């Protein structure tokens, strides 16, 4: 599955309608114990903390979580999301509470290496979805695709069903629903008995939805995936592999959607450089 292009999706709240939900402080979707790592073993990069796991180790940790009858969610963080976390304490707390947190951005991996606390590799959302779905088919685990525009989740499910005939699709539904309709979507997921749930509603809406409804969703494993369904359904093109490797996928996406993305990338990339610079200087001054 690693041969397929990876992604550095930075979904915005404009990709799907907002529910205007405010996260409940009573929910605790995260957990202190984590498969394959511990909170103390995480690598700090600016305001983010990342599990130093390879792609294969992340996949195995997720499968083991489900096998053990445990519950938890995984978050992928790129530069745009990392900078959004700084200005959104609820988003920061939700991601910090994940069972697994991985870097979905080459600049984050590069910075970790420059600071002498290297992350092993970039682990992307699209690659993870593909890898987890493949394992779900092998392990007789069911998957639910929730989010994106009407019909897109169904297209993603159909694509995976063709690739993996043994895969059990627990259900699909779009992300275009109001706050009042959210309980209905949650009930559909819970009643489906899904082992894995992928939520594609854009940051931070998908995280707030998961936080509020975590207990009622019921799925052992969940993952917010931003705009990945559009990529998996073939509605958006991915950057060539060499563009991804040099950390310029954001520029490829900017060329595709300049009006929507220019301000976001200008702000977040500038913030990241400004935050990284003093950390790099401190590292250089160390004896």
Protein backbone atom coordinates (compact mmCIF):
# COMPACT_ATOMS: atom_id res chain seq x y z
CA UNK A 1 0.00 0.00 0.00
CA UNK A 2 2.96 2.32 0.49
CA UNK A 3 3.44 2.72 -3.24
CA UNK A 4 0.32 4.87 -3.54
CA UNK A 5 0.89 8.60 -3.16
CA UNK A 6 0.83 9.94 0.35
CA UNK A 7 -1.07 13.05 1.31
CA UNK A 8 -0.55 16.19 3.28
CA UNK A 9 -4.19 17.18 3.38
CA UNK A 10 -4.94 20.31 5.36
CA UNK A 11 -8.73 20.35 5.36
CA UNK A 12 -10.54 23.51 6.32
CA UNK A 13 -13.91 24.00 7.88
CA UNK A 14 -15.13 25.22 4.51
CA UNK A 15 -15.01 21.73 3.05
CA UNK A 16 -18.18 20.69 4.83
CA UNK A 17 -20.91 22.63 6.64
CA UNK A 18 -20.31 23.36 10.27
CA UNK A 19 -22.55 21.91 12.93
CA UNK A 20 -21.66 24.77 15.30
CA UNK A 21 -21.25 22.18 18.01
CA UNK A 22 -19.19 23.08 21.03
CA UNK A 23 -17.17 20.23 22.51
CA UNK A 24 -18.42 18.72 25.73
CA UNK A 25 -15.99 18.82 28.61
CA UNK A 26 -17.44 15.59 30.00
CA UNK A 27 -16.18 13.40 27.17
CA UNK A 28 -12.78 11.74 27.42
CA UNK A 29 -12.18 10.09 24.07
CA UNK A 30 -8.45 9.75 24.56
CA UNK A 31 -6.63 7.40 26.89
CA UNK A 32 -3.47 7.43 28.93
CA UNK A 33 -2.19 4.07 27.67
CA UNK A 34 -1.24 3.88 24.01
CA UNK A 35 -0.55 0.91 21.75
CA UNK A 36 3.09 0.70 20.77
CA UNK A 37 4.24 3.74 22.76
CA UNK A 38 3.60 5.82 25.88
CA UNK A 39 2.89 9.48 26.44
CA UNK A 40 6.37 9.95 27.91
CA UNK A 41 7.94 8.39 24.80
CA UNK A 42 6.40 10.94 22.46
CA UNK A 43 8.66 13.34 20.63
CA UNK A 44 7.92 17.02 21.12
CA UNK A 45 8.00 19.21 18.01
CA UNK A 46 6.90 22.78 18.78
CA UNK A 47 3.38 22.51 20.27
CA UNK A 48 2.86 18.95 19.02
CA UNK A 49 3.86 15.59 20.48
CA UNK A 50 4.32 12.67 18.10
CA UNK A 51 4.64 8.92 18.46
CA UNK A 52 7.99 7.82 16.96
CA UNK A 53 6.52 4.94 14.96
CA UNK A 54 6.94 3.86 11.36
CA UNK A 55 3.99 3.36 9.04
CA UNK A 56 3.98 -0.40 9.62
CA UNK A 57 4.18 0.04 13.39
CA UNK A 58 1.21 2.42 13.35
CA UNK A 59 -0.91 -0.03 11.35
CA UNK A 60 -0.03 -2.87 13.73
CA UNK A 61 -0.79 -0.73 16.79
CA UNK A 62 -4.25 0.13 15.45
CA UNK A 63 -5.08 -3.50 14.68
CA UNK A 64 -3.85 -4.60 18.12
CA UNK A 65 -6.04 -1.96 19.77
CA UNK A 66 -9.14 -3.41 18.09
CA UNK A 67 -8.12 -7.01 18.79
CA UNK A 68 -7.68 -6.18 22.47
CA UNK A 69 -11.23 -4.85 22.73
CA UNK A 70 -9.90 -1.40 23.56
CA UNK A 71 -10.99 1.97 22.15
CA UNK A 72 -9.06 4.93 20.85
CA UNK A 73 -8.46 7.28 17.95
CA UNK A 74 -5.51 8.26 15.79
CA UNK A 75 -4.65 11.78 14.60
CA UNK A 76 -2.41 12.79 11.72
CA UNK A 77 -0.90 16.27 12.06
CA UNK A 78 0.62 18.38 9.30
CA UNK A 79 2.02 21.92 9.48
CA UNK A 80 -1.36 23.60 8.94
CA UNK A 81 -3.04 21.54 11.66
CA UNK A 82 -0.10 22.01 14.04
CA UNK A 83 -0.44 25.77 13.71
CA UNK A 84 -4.24 25.62 14.05
CA UNK A 85 -3.75 23.77 17.34
CA UNK A 86 -1.88 26.77 18.75
CA UNK A 87 -4.93 28.99 18.34
CA UNK A 88 -7.53 26.36 19.26
CA UNK A 89 -7.07 24.89 22.77
CA UNK A 90 -9.91 22.42 22.25
CA UNK A 91 -8.31 21.08 19.08
CA UNK A 92 -4.93 20.90 20.84
CA UNK A 93 -6.45 18.96 23.74
CA UNK A 94 -8.31 16.56 21.46
CA UNK A 95 -5.21 15.72 19.45
CA UNK A 96 -3.02 15.47 22.56
CA UNK A 97 -5.54 12.92 23.90
CA UNK A 98 -5.27 10.61 20.90
CA UNK A 99 -4.02 7.07 21.33
CA UNK A 100 -1.65 7.67 18.43
CA UNK A 101 -0.37 10.91 16.88
CA UNK A 102 1.73 10.86 13.72
CA UNK A 103 3.42 13.51 11.58
CA UNK A 104 1.71 13.95 8.21
CA UNK A 105 4.16 16.58 7.02
CA UNK A 106 7.78 16.38 5.89
CA UNK A 107 8.69 19.75 7.52
CA UNK A 108 7.70 18.33 10.93
CA UNK A 109 9.90 15.27 10.35
CA UNK A 110 12.78 17.47 9.15
CA UNK A 111 12.49 19.71 12.20
CA UNK A 112 12.47 16.72 14.56
CA UNK A 113 15.72 15.52 12.99
CA UNK A 114 17.32 18.97 13.15
CA UNK A 115 16.44 19.09 16.86
CA UNK A 116 18.13 15.69 17.39
CA UNK A 117 14.87 13.96 18.31
CA UNK A 118 14.11 12.31 14.97
CA UNK A 119 10.76 10.92 13.94
CA UNK A 120 11.25 7.82 11.74
CA UNK A 121 9.16 8.97 8.79
CA UNK A 122 6.14 10.87 7.56
CA UNK A 123 2.94 8.84 8.03
CA UNK A 124 0.06 10.16 5.96
CA UNK A 125 -3.68 9.94 6.28
CA UNK A 126 -4.43 8.47 2.86
CA UNK A 127 -1.72 5.83 3.24
CA UNK A 128 -3.08 4.90 6.66
CA UNK A 129 -6.65 4.57 5.40
CA UNK A 130 -5.50 2.29 2.60
CA UNK A 131 -3.30 0.22 4.90
CA UNK A 132 -5.95 -0.11 7.60
CA UNK A 133 -8.68 -1.05 5.12
CA UNK A 134 -6.42 -3.74 3.65
CA UNK A 135 -5.79 -5.17 7.12
CA UNK A 136 -9.49 -4.91 7.99
CA UNK A 137 -10.28 -7.17 5.03
CA UNK A 138 -7.66 -9.68 6.19
CA UNK A 139 -8.79 -9.55 9.83
CA UNK A 140 -12.56 -9.65 9.14
CA UNK A 141 -13.02 -6.17 10.63
CA UNK A 142 -15.73 -3.86 9.30
CA UNK A 143 -15.27 -0.23 8.28
CA UNK A 144 -17.55 2.83 8.19
CA UNK A 145 -16.92 5.90 6.03
CA UNK A 146 -18.55 9.09 7.37
CA UNK A 147 -18.15 12.50 5.76
CA UNK A 148 -17.46 14.48 2.58
CA UNK A 149 -20.16 15.51 0.08
CA UNK A 150 -23.15 13.26 -0.64
CA UNK A 151 -22.10 10.15 -2.53
CA UNK A 152 -18.34 10.51 -2.00
CA UNK A 153 -18.10 8.12 0.97
CA UNK A 154 -20.04 5.54 -1.03
CA UNK A 155 -17.55 5.93 -3.91
CA UNK A 156 -14.68 5.33 -1.52
CA UNK A 157 -16.39 2.24 -0.12
CA UNK A 158 -17.03 0.88 -3.62
CA UNK A 159 -13.39 1.40 -4.58
CA UNK A 160 -12.16 -0.51 -1.55
CA UNK A 161 -14.75 -3.25 -2.02
CA UNK A 162 -13.46 -3.84 -5.54
CA UNK A 163 -9.86 -3.93 -4.33
CA UNK A 164 -10.65 -6.15 -1.33
CA UNK A 165 -13.69 -8.36 -2.04
CA UNK A 166 -13.63 -9.79 1.49
CA UNK A 167 -13.90 -6.34 3.07
CA UNK A 168 -17.01 -5.77 5.19
CA UNK A 169 -18.46 -2.28 4.72
CA UNK A 170 -20.39 -1.39 7.86
CA UNK A 171 -21.89 1.70 6.24
CA UNK A 172 -21.38 5.07 4.58
CA UNK A 173 -22.93 8.51 5.06
CA UNK A 174 -22.05 12.05 4.04
CA UNK A 175 -20.88 14.87 6.28
CA UNK A 176 -23.57 17.34 5.29
CA UNK A 177 -25.81 17.37 8.32
CA UNK A 178 -26.90 19.90 10.92
CA UNK A 179 -26.29 19.82 14.65
CA UNK A 180 -29.82 18.51 15.14
CA UNK A 181 -29.17 15.66 12.70
CA UNK A 182 -25.89 14.60 14.30
CA UNK A 183 -27.46 12.08 16.74
CA UNK A 184 -29.01 10.26 13.78
CA UNK A 185 -25.59 9.88 12.11
CA UNK A 186 -24.08 8.75 15.40
CA UNK A 187 -26.80 6.12 15.84
CA UNK A 188 -26.14 4.82 12.32
CA UNK A 189 -22.47 4.33 13.12
CA UNK A 190 -23.16 2.69 16.49
CA UNK A 191 -25.80 0.32 15.12
CA UNK A 192 -23.52 -0.69 12.24
CA UNK A 193 -21.11 -2.36 14.65
CA UNK A 194 -18.13 -0.95 12.73
CA UNK A 195 -14.64 -1.87 13.89
CA UNK A 196 -13.09 1.18 12.20
CA UNK A 197 -14.59 4.62 11.61
CA UNK A 198 -13.10 7.21 9.25
CA UNK A 199 -14.49 10.74 9.67
CA UNK A 200 -13.98 13.27 6.85
CA UNK A 201 -15.53 16.61 7.79
CA UNK A 202 -12.59 19.03 7.82
CA UNK A 203 -10.57 20.40 10.72
CA UNK A 204 -11.73 21.20 13.40
CA UNK A 205 -15.33 20.14 12.79
CA UNK A 206 -14.52 16.43 12.59
CA UNK A 207 -12.54 16.55 15.84
CA UNK A 208 -15.33 18.37 17.67
CA UNK A 209 -17.88 15.89 16.34
CA UNK A 210 -15.78 12.96 17.55
CA UNK A 211 -15.18 14.52 20.97
CA UNK A 212 -18.85 15.23 21.62
CA UNK A 213 -20.12 11.87 20.39
CA UNK A 214 -17.20 9.57 21.20
CA UNK A 215 -19.02 7.42 23.74
CA UNK A 216 -22.12 6.98 21.58
CA UNK A 217 -20.24 6.26 18.33
CA UNK A 218 -19.16 2.92 19.72
CA UNK A 219 -16.47 2.06 17.17
CA UNK A 220 -13.29 0.68 18.77
CA UNK A 221 -11.06 2.69 16.44
CA UNK A 222 -11.65 6.04 14.73
CA UNK A 223 -9.61 8.47 12.68
CA UNK A 224 -10.38 12.02 11.49
CA UNK A 225 -9.19 12.18 7.88
CA UNK A 226 -10.04 15.64 6.53
CA UNK A 227 -10.24 15.77 2.75
CA UNK A 228 -8.91 12.25 2.17
CA UNK A 229 -12.20 10.88 0.82
CA UNK A 230 -12.00 13.29 -2.14
CA UNK A 231 -8.54 11.95 -2.93
CA UNK A 232 -9.54 8.31 -2.53
CA UNK A 233 -12.62 8.84 -4.71
CA UNK A 234 -10.46 10.38 -7.44
CA UNK A 235 -12.03 13.84 -7.16
CA UNK A 236 -8.72 15.51 -6.31
CA UNK A 237 -5.26 14.78 -7.68
CA UNK A 238 -2.28 14.02 -5.52
CA UNK A 239 1.13 15.54 -5.91
CA UNK A 240 3.78 13.37 -7.61
CA UNK A 241 5.91 11.36 -5.19
CA UNK A 242 9.04 13.48 -5.72
CA UNK A 243 7.05 16.63 -4.85
CA UNK A 244 5.94 15.03 -1.60
CA UNK A 245 9.46 13.92 -0.72
CA UNK A 246 10.81 17.47 -0.92
CA UNK A 247 7.98 18.75 1.28
CA UNK A 248 6.28 20.79 -1.44
CA UNK A 249 2.91 19.06 -1.68
CA UNK A 250 1.34 22.17 -0.18
CA UNK A 251 2.48 24.15 -3.22
CA UNK A 252 0.98 21.55 -5.56
CA UNK A 253 -2.34 21.84 -3.75
CA UNK A 254 -2.10 25.63 -3.75
CA UNK A 255 -1.76 25.58 -7.53
CA UNK A 256 -4.95 23.50 -7.73
CA UNK A 257 -7.02 25.63 -5.32
CA UNK A 258 -5.33 29.05 -5.04
CA UNK A 259 -8.37 31.07 -3.95
CA UNK A 260 -9.21 28.72 -1.09
CA UNK A 261 -5.73 27.84 0.14
CA UNK A 262 -3.39 30.80 -0.38
CA UNK A 263 -4.21 32.58 2.87
CA UNK A 264 -4.12 29.41 4.96
CA UNK A 265 -0.72 28.35 3.66
CA UNK A 266 0.73 31.85 3.86
CA UNK A 267 -0.27 32.14 7.51
CA UNK A 268 0.52 28.61 8.71
CA UNK A 269 3.82 28.25 6.85
CA UNK A 270 5.00 31.63 8.13
CA UNK A 271 3.98 30.70 11.69
CA UNK A 272 5.79 27.38 11.46
CA UNK A 273 9.03 28.99 10.27
CA UNK A 274 8.79 31.67 12.96
CA UNK A 275 8.27 29.05 15.68
CA UNK A 276 10.94 26.69 14.35
CA UNK A 277 13.68 29.32 14.02
CA UNK A 278 14.35 29.91 17.75
CA UNK A 279 14.27 26.16 18.41
CA UNK A 280 16.88 25.61 15.73
CA UNK A 281 19.05 28.43 17.10
CA UNK A 282 18.91 26.91 20.59
CA UNK A 283 19.96 23.57 19.15
CA UNK A 284 22.89 25.14 17.28
CA UNK A 285 24.11 26.86 20.46
CA UNK A 286 24.28 23.62 22.41
CA UNK A 287 27.85 22.45 23.06
